[in-house]
């Protein structure tokens, strides 16, 4: 999206809509025919993002050829709507409606029971997330710093929490579970609560797998 064959499509869209708010050419294309028609499996599920400013609001449309409800959809929605909000902020317009278009929206058989349980559960609506902002200049460096878990304390609560979450999960993945739990305990809001719940789930699944191996022996 940002460095494909020397083109930064995100910045191109930003500059285009800044110059011409009525433009219908603000498109980020992720499918590359030269590369993606060669028969390999790594063809992008997300084909493109399109942006329009209407009545002072930034509208965003995403088109996907395929989307796994259980493994992909939540992450794709999270990523796209973050991009939507950042671009609206850079353009100085209100956040409009996000539209998600999918040709094949599916759940695989092995995930049906888990997906059904989520669909039947009662979860209180999440509170509104604080406004998201990141600098236009040096955006790549800013994201790199955040992903590393380095200090982003001047960037606002959402980025600080995400940086801490990524650091905690890296510790978990490296086997440093107490350190991961300790950091997760200090992350406020929905993100911290979700991370702690995820660790509880992973611990439970690990215990079940260990029990199953013991029974098999």
C-alpha atoms as a PDB file:
ATOM      1  CA  UNK A   1       0.000   0.000   0.000  1.00  0.00           C
ATOM      2  CA  UNK A   2       2.712   2.481   0.964  1.00  0.00           C
ATOM      3  CA  UNK A   3       5.875   1.288  -0.747  1.00  0.00           C
ATOM      4  CA  UNK A   4       4.808  -0.845  -3.719  1.00  0.00           C
ATOM      5  CA  UNK A   5       7.058  -0.169  -6.707  1.00  0.00           C
ATOM      6  CA  UNK A   6       7.938   3.216  -5.245  1.00  0.00           C
ATOM      7  CA  UNK A   7       4.347   4.438  -4.874  1.00  0.00           C
ATOM      8  CA  UNK A   8       2.846   5.516  -1.553  1.00  0.00           C
ATOM      9  CA  UNK A   9      -0.847   5.048  -2.326  1.00  0.00           C
ATOM     10  CA  UNK A  10      -2.006   6.244   1.089  1.00  0.00           C
ATOM     11  CA  UNK A  11      -0.226   9.577   0.774  1.00  0.00           C
ATOM     12  CA  UNK A  12      -1.379   9.887  -2.845  1.00  0.00           C
ATOM     13  CA  UNK A  13      -5.017   9.558  -1.724  1.00  0.00           C
ATOM     14  CA  UNK A  14      -4.458  12.100   1.042  1.00  0.00           C
ATOM     15  CA  UNK A  15      -2.901  14.655  -1.296  1.00  0.00           C
ATOM     16  CA  UNK A  16      -5.517  14.023  -3.998  1.00  0.00           C
ATOM     17  CA  UNK A  17      -8.501  14.616  -1.698  1.00  0.00           C
ATOM     18  CA  UNK A  18      -6.779  17.584  -0.083  1.00  0.00           C
ATOM     19  CA  UNK A  19      -6.374  19.144  -3.513  1.00  0.00           C
ATOM     20  CA  UNK A  20      -9.767  18.060  -4.902  1.00  0.00           C
ATOM     21  CA  UNK A  21     -12.367  17.059  -2.270  1.00  0.00           C
ATOM     22  CA  UNK A  22     -14.791  16.092  -5.065  1.00  0.00           C
ATOM     23  CA  UNK A  23     -12.396  13.589  -6.641  1.00  0.00           C
ATOM     24  CA  UNK A  24     -13.688  10.120  -7.507  1.00  0.00           C
ATOM     25  CA  UNK A  25     -10.168   8.790  -8.093  1.00  0.00           C
ATOM     26  CA  UNK A  26      -9.072   8.213  -4.485  1.00  0.00           C
ATOM     27  CA  UNK A  27      -8.349   4.487  -4.746  1.00  0.00           C
ATOM     28  CA  UNK A  28      -5.829   2.272  -2.977  1.00  0.00           C
ATOM     29  CA  UNK A  29      -5.344  -0.846  -5.121  1.00  0.00           C
ATOM     30  CA  UNK A  30      -3.917  -3.944  -3.431  1.00  0.00           C
ATOM     31  CA  UNK A  31      -4.343  -6.511  -6.223  1.00  0.00           C
ATOM     32  CA  UNK A  32      -1.415  -6.425  -8.647  1.00  0.00           C
ATOM     33  CA  UNK A  33      -2.181  -8.305 -11.912  1.00  0.00           C
ATOM     34  CA  UNK A  34       1.496  -8.544 -12.857  1.00  0.00           C
ATOM     35  CA  UNK A  35       2.259 -10.436  -9.655  1.00  0.00           C
ATOM     36  CA  UNK A  36      -1.048 -11.972  -8.567  1.00  0.00           C
ATOM     37  CA  UNK A  37      -1.920 -13.835 -11.778  1.00  0.00           C
ATOM     38  CA  UNK A  38       1.098 -16.156 -11.555  1.00  0.00           C
ATOM     39  CA  UNK A  39      -0.763 -18.898  -9.733  1.00  0.00           C
ATOM     40  CA  UNK A  40       0.712 -18.591  -6.239  1.00  0.00           C
ATOM     41  CA  UNK A  41      -1.537 -18.816  -3.181  1.00  0.00           C
ATOM     42  CA  UNK A  42      -0.694 -15.424  -1.713  1.00  0.00           C
ATOM     43  CA  UNK A  43      -3.303 -13.453  -3.666  1.00  0.00           C
ATOM     44  CA  UNK A  44      -4.647 -10.616  -1.504  1.00  0.00           C
ATOM     45  CA  UNK A  45      -8.134 -11.097  -0.115  1.00  0.00           C
ATOM     46  CA  UNK A  46      -8.493  -7.321   0.096  1.00  0.00           C
ATOM     47  CA  UNK A  47      -8.688  -5.920  -3.425  1.00  0.00           C
ATOM     48  CA  UNK A  48      -8.983  -2.186  -2.828  1.00  0.00           C
ATOM     49  CA  UNK A  49     -10.025   0.711  -0.614  1.00  0.00           C
ATOM     50  CA  UNK A  50     -11.963   3.677  -2.054  1.00  0.00           C
ATOM     51  CA  UNK A  51     -12.541   7.066  -0.478  1.00  0.00           C
ATOM     52  CA  UNK A  52     -15.036   9.854  -1.169  1.00  0.00           C
ATOM     53  CA  UNK A  53     -15.751  13.136   0.600  1.00  0.00           C
ATOM     54  CA  UNK A  54     -19.481  13.827   0.655  1.00  0.00           C
ATOM     55  CA  UNK A  55     -21.057  16.693   2.597  1.00  0.00           C
ATOM     56  CA  UNK A  56     -17.849  17.206   4.556  1.00  0.00           C
ATOM     57  CA  UNK A  57     -17.596  13.549   5.602  1.00  0.00           C
ATOM     58  CA  UNK A  58     -15.070  10.957   4.434  1.00  0.00           C
ATOM     59  CA  UNK A  59     -16.764   7.779   3.181  1.00  0.00           C
ATOM     60  CA  UNK A  60     -14.714   4.599   2.792  1.00  0.00           C
ATOM     61  CA  UNK A  61     -15.462   1.430   0.820  1.00  0.00           C
ATOM     62  CA  UNK A  62     -13.416  -1.782   1.011  1.00  0.00           C
ATOM     63  CA  UNK A  63     -13.838  -4.593  -1.527  1.00  0.00           C
ATOM     64  CA  UNK A  64     -12.703  -8.125  -0.660  1.00  0.00           C
ATOM     65  CA  UNK A  65     -12.827 -11.228  -2.810  1.00  0.00           C
ATOM     66  CA  UNK A  66     -12.895 -13.481   0.277  1.00  0.00           C
ATOM     67  CA  UNK A  67     -13.199 -12.999   4.046  1.00  0.00           C
ATOM     68  CA  UNK A  68     -13.107 -15.579   6.822  1.00  0.00           C
ATOM     69  CA  UNK A  69     -15.605 -14.449   9.475  1.00  0.00           C
ATOM     70  CA  UNK A  70     -13.731 -16.165  12.304  1.00  0.00           C
ATOM     71  CA  UNK A  71     -10.066 -15.663  11.406  1.00  0.00           C
ATOM     72  CA  UNK A  72     -10.070 -12.526   9.270  1.00  0.00           C
ATOM     73  CA  UNK A  73     -13.109 -10.260   9.485  1.00  0.00           C
ATOM     74  CA  UNK A  74     -12.518  -8.706  12.941  1.00  0.00           C
ATOM     75  CA  UNK A  75      -8.917  -7.834  12.080  1.00  0.00           C
ATOM     76  CA  UNK A  76      -9.783  -6.486   8.627  1.00  0.00           C
ATOM     77  CA  UNK A  77     -12.518  -4.264  10.077  1.00  0.00           C
ATOM     78  CA  UNK A  78     -10.158  -3.008  12.767  1.00  0.00           C
ATOM     79  CA  UNK A  79      -7.390  -2.209  10.280  1.00  0.00           C
ATOM     80  CA  UNK A  80      -9.641  -0.546   7.706  1.00  0.00           C
ATOM     81  CA  UNK A  81     -11.560   1.616  10.159  1.00  0.00           C
ATOM     82  CA  UNK A  82      -8.315   2.799  11.765  1.00  0.00           C
ATOM     83  CA  UNK A  83      -7.100   3.800   8.304  1.00  0.00           C
ATOM     84  CA  UNK A  84     -10.441   5.521   7.688  1.00  0.00           C
ATOM     85  CA  UNK A  85     -10.212   7.571  10.880  1.00  0.00           C
ATOM     86  CA  UNK A  86      -6.580   8.541  10.343  1.00  0.00           C
ATOM     87  CA  UNK A  87      -7.232   9.748   6.801  1.00  0.00           C
ATOM     88  CA  UNK A  88     -10.275  11.769   7.895  1.00  0.00           C
ATOM     89  CA  UNK A  89      -8.123  13.460  10.524  1.00  0.00           C
ATOM     90  CA  UNK A  90      -5.362  14.238   8.042  1.00  0.00           C
ATOM     91  CA  UNK A  91      -7.915  15.765   5.670  1.00  0.00           C
ATOM     92  CA  UNK A  92      -9.639  17.760   8.400  1.00  0.00           C
ATOM     93  CA  UNK A  93     -13.098  16.342   7.620  1.00  0.00           C
ATOM     94  CA  UNK A  94     -15.645  14.428   9.663  1.00  0.00           C
ATOM     95  CA  UNK A  95     -15.581  10.641   9.798  1.00  0.00           C
ATOM     96  CA  UNK A  96     -18.259   9.221   7.513  1.00  0.00           C
ATOM     97  CA  UNK A  97     -19.619   5.706   7.046  1.00  0.00           C
ATOM     98  CA  UNK A  98     -17.435   2.648   6.484  1.00  0.00           C
ATOM     99  CA  UNK A  99     -18.686   0.113   3.897  1.00  0.00           C
ATOM    100  CA  UNK A 100     -17.307  -3.458   3.754  1.00  0.00           C
ATOM    101  CA  UNK A 101     -18.061  -5.430   0.551  1.00  0.00           C
ATOM    102  CA  UNK A 102     -17.200  -9.148   0.450  1.00  0.00           C
ATOM    103  CA  UNK A 103     -17.792 -11.645  -2.383  1.00  0.00           C
ATOM    104  CA  UNK A 104     -17.333 -14.770  -0.231  1.00  0.00           C
ATOM    105  CA  UNK A 105     -17.994 -14.278   3.487  1.00  0.00           C
ATOM    106  CA  UNK A 106     -17.589 -17.667   5.127  1.00  0.00           C
ATOM    107  CA  UNK A 107     -16.935 -19.724   8.259  1.00  0.00           C
ATOM    108  CA  UNK A 108     -14.997 -22.988   8.031  1.00  0.00           C
ATOM    109  CA  UNK A 109     -16.512 -26.090   9.585  1.00  0.00           C
ATOM    110  CA  UNK A 110     -13.909 -26.348  12.353  1.00  0.00           C
ATOM    111  CA  UNK A 111     -14.858 -22.870  13.596  1.00  0.00           C
ATOM    112  CA  UNK A 112     -18.653 -23.212  13.458  1.00  0.00           C
ATOM    113  CA  UNK A 113     -19.196 -24.067  17.132  1.00  0.00           C
ATOM    114  CA  UNK A 114     -16.937 -21.289  18.395  1.00  0.00           C
ATOM    115  CA  UNK A 115     -18.496 -18.759  16.033  1.00  0.00           C
ATOM    116  CA  UNK A 116     -22.000 -19.813  17.083  1.00  0.00           C
ATOM    117  CA  UNK A 117     -21.082 -19.371  20.742  1.00  0.00           C
ATOM    118  CA  UNK A 118     -19.887 -15.831  20.068  1.00  0.00           C
ATOM    119  CA  UNK A 119     -23.024 -15.027  18.073  1.00  0.00           C
ATOM    120  CA  UNK A 120     -25.236 -16.231  20.926  1.00  0.00           C
ATOM    121  CA  UNK A 121     -23.302 -14.470  23.687  1.00  0.00           C
ATOM    122  CA  UNK A 122     -24.439 -11.203  25.222  1.00  0.00           C
ATOM    123  CA  UNK A 123     -21.724  -8.582  25.229  1.00  0.00           C
ATOM    124  CA  UNK A 124     -22.179  -4.993  26.332  1.00  0.00           C
ATOM    125  CA  UNK A 125     -21.410  -2.425  23.620  1.00  0.00           C
ATOM    126  CA  UNK A 126     -17.895  -1.050  23.791  1.00  0.00           C
ATOM    127  CA  UNK A 127     -17.547   2.608  24.752  1.00  0.00           C
ATOM    128  CA  UNK A 128     -16.433   5.053  22.092  1.00  0.00           C
ATOM    129  CA  UNK A 129     -12.718   4.937  21.414  1.00  0.00           C
ATOM    130  CA  UNK A 130     -10.795   8.201  21.937  1.00  0.00           C
ATOM    131  CA  UNK A 131      -9.997  10.123  18.780  1.00  0.00           C
ATOM    132  CA  UNK A 132      -7.154   8.550  16.839  1.00  0.00           C
ATOM    133  CA  UNK A 133      -4.392  10.722  15.451  1.00  0.00           C
ATOM    134  CA  UNK A 134      -0.912  10.130  14.078  1.00  0.00           C
ATOM    135  CA  UNK A 135       1.511  12.470  12.313  1.00  0.00           C
ATOM    136  CA  UNK A 136       1.429  12.554   8.519  1.00  0.00           C
ATOM    137  CA  UNK A 137       5.137  13.267   8.289  1.00  0.00           C
ATOM    138  CA  UNK A 138       7.128  10.345   9.610  1.00  0.00           C
ATOM    139  CA  UNK A 139       4.071   8.087   9.818  1.00  0.00           C
ATOM    140  CA  UNK A 140       6.083   4.958   8.970  1.00  0.00           C
ATOM    141  CA  UNK A 141       8.645   5.739  11.658  1.00  0.00           C
ATOM    142  CA  UNK A 142       5.841   6.445  14.127  1.00  0.00           C
ATOM    143  CA  UNK A 143       4.240   3.039  13.455  1.00  0.00           C
ATOM    144  CA  UNK A 144       7.605   1.293  13.701  1.00  0.00           C
ATOM    145  CA  UNK A 145       8.173   2.888  17.100  1.00  0.00           C
ATOM    146  CA  UNK A 146       4.703   1.876  18.270  1.00  0.00           C
ATOM    147  CA  UNK A 147       5.057  -1.730  17.077  1.00  0.00           C
ATOM    148  CA  UNK A 148       8.417  -2.035  18.849  1.00  0.00           C
ATOM    149  CA  UNK A 149       6.699  -0.906  22.041  1.00  0.00           C
ATOM    150  CA  UNK A 150       8.925   2.130  22.428  1.00  0.00           C
ATOM    151  CA  UNK A 151       7.627   5.295  24.067  1.00  0.00           C
ATOM    152  CA  UNK A 152       4.724   6.918  22.210  1.00  0.00           C
ATOM    153  CA  UNK A 153       3.389   8.732  25.265  1.00  0.00           C
ATOM    154  CA  UNK A 154       2.802  11.963  23.337  1.00  0.00           C
ATOM    155  CA  UNK A 155       0.591  10.238  20.752  1.00  0.00           C
ATOM    156  CA  UNK A 156      -2.566   9.694  22.798  1.00  0.00           C
ATOM    157  CA  UNK A 157      -4.007   6.855  24.850  1.00  0.00           C
ATOM    158  CA  UNK A 158      -4.991   4.463  21.999  1.00  0.00           C
ATOM    159  CA  UNK A 159      -1.440   4.286  20.631  1.00  0.00           C
ATOM    160  CA  UNK A 160       0.085   3.933  24.097  1.00  0.00           C
ATOM    161  CA  UNK A 161      -2.266   1.036  24.874  1.00  0.00           C
ATOM    162  CA  UNK A 162      -1.593  -0.659  21.528  1.00  0.00           C
ATOM    163  CA  UNK A 163       2.175  -0.362  22.005  1.00  0.00           C
ATOM    164  CA  UNK A 164       1.883  -1.935  25.462  1.00  0.00           C
ATOM    165  CA  UNK A 165      -0.379  -4.683  24.111  1.00  0.00           C
ATOM    166  CA  UNK A 166       2.098  -5.624  21.367  1.00  0.00           C
ATOM    167  CA  UNK A 167       4.984  -5.657  23.843  1.00  0.00           C
ATOM    168  CA  UNK A 168       3.001  -7.859  26.217  1.00  0.00           C
ATOM    169  CA  UNK A 169       2.083 -10.310  23.470  1.00  0.00           C
ATOM    170  CA  UNK A 170       5.694 -10.534  22.285  1.00  0.00           C
ATOM    171  CA  UNK A 171       6.654 -11.520  25.824  1.00  0.00           C
ATOM    172  CA  UNK A 172       3.870 -14.107  25.867  1.00  0.00           C
ATOM    173  CA  UNK A 173       4.952 -15.566  22.523  1.00  0.00           C
ATOM    174  CA  UNK A 174       8.561 -15.759  23.757  1.00  0.00           C
ATOM    175  CA  UNK A 175       7.431 -17.806  26.752  1.00  0.00           C
ATOM    176  CA  UNK A 176       7.766 -15.014  29.327  1.00  0.00           C
ATOM    177  CA  UNK A 177       4.233 -15.477  30.630  1.00  0.00           C
ATOM    178  CA  UNK A 178       4.535 -13.727  34.052  1.00  0.00           C
ATOM    179  CA  UNK A 179       6.039 -10.638  32.400  1.00  0.00           C
ATOM    180  CA  UNK A 180       3.285 -10.655  29.769  1.00  0.00           C
ATOM    181  CA  UNK A 181       0.575 -10.895  32.433  1.00  0.00           C
ATOM    182  CA  UNK A 182       2.190  -8.143  34.481  1.00  0.00           C
ATOM    183  CA  UNK A 183       2.227  -5.708  31.575  1.00  0.00           C
ATOM    184  CA  UNK A 184      -1.316  -6.655  30.518  1.00  0.00           C
ATOM    185  CA  UNK A 185      -2.560  -5.913  34.036  1.00  0.00           C
ATOM    186  CA  UNK A 186      -1.524  -2.272  33.612  1.00  0.00           C
ATOM    187  CA  UNK A 187      -3.269  -1.689  30.263  1.00  0.00           C
ATOM    188  CA  UNK A 188      -6.488   0.241  30.814  1.00  0.00           C
ATOM    189  CA  UNK A 189      -9.753   0.119  28.911  1.00  0.00           C
ATOM    190  CA  UNK A 190     -11.280  -2.428  26.567  1.00  0.00           C
ATOM    191  CA  UNK A 191      -7.959  -3.303  24.951  1.00  0.00           C
ATOM    192  CA  UNK A 192      -6.396  -4.360  28.242  1.00  0.00           C
ATOM    193  CA  UNK A 193      -9.481  -6.310  29.248  1.00  0.00           C
ATOM    194  CA  UNK A 194      -9.560  -8.103  25.890  1.00  0.00           C
ATOM    195  CA  UNK A 195      -5.862  -8.986  26.136  1.00  0.00           C
ATOM    196  CA  UNK A 196      -6.271 -10.428  29.625  1.00  0.00           C
ATOM    197  CA  UNK A 197      -9.271 -12.465  28.470  1.00  0.00           C
ATOM    198  CA  UNK A 198      -7.231 -13.719  25.510  1.00  0.00           C
ATOM    199  CA  UNK A 199      -4.431 -14.879  27.819  1.00  0.00           C
ATOM    200  CA  UNK A 200      -6.988 -16.706  29.971  1.00  0.00           C
ATOM    201  CA  UNK A 201      -8.328 -18.418  26.851  1.00  0.00           C
ATOM    202  CA  UNK A 202      -4.848 -19.372  25.624  1.00  0.00           C
ATOM    203  CA  UNK A 203      -3.951 -20.780  29.040  1.00  0.00           C
ATOM    204  CA  UNK A 204      -7.139 -22.836  29.083  1.00  0.00           C
ATOM    205  CA  UNK A 205      -6.499 -24.182  25.574  1.00  0.00           C
ATOM    206  CA  UNK A 206      -2.923 -25.102  26.525  1.00  0.00           C
ATOM    207  CA  UNK A 207      -4.165 -26.984  29.588  1.00  0.00           C
ATOM    208  CA  UNK A 208      -6.742 -28.844  27.506  1.00  0.00           C
ATOM    209  CA  UNK A 209      -4.104 -29.830  24.956  1.00  0.00           C
ATOM    210  CA  UNK A 210      -1.820 -31.070  27.725  1.00  0.00           C
ATOM    211  CA  UNK A 211      -4.646 -33.070  29.270  1.00  0.00           C
ATOM    212  CA  UNK A 212      -5.485 -34.631  25.917  1.00  0.00           C
ATOM    213  CA  UNK A 213      -1.863 -35.670  25.384  1.00  0.00           C
ATOM    214  CA  UNK A 214      -1.796 -37.202  28.859  1.00  0.00           C
ATOM    215  CA  UNK A 215      -4.958 -39.204  28.195  1.00  0.00           C
ATOM    216  CA  UNK A 216      -3.554 -40.428  24.889  1.00  0.00           C
ATOM    217  CA  UNK A 217      -0.488 -41.810  26.631  1.00  0.00           C
END
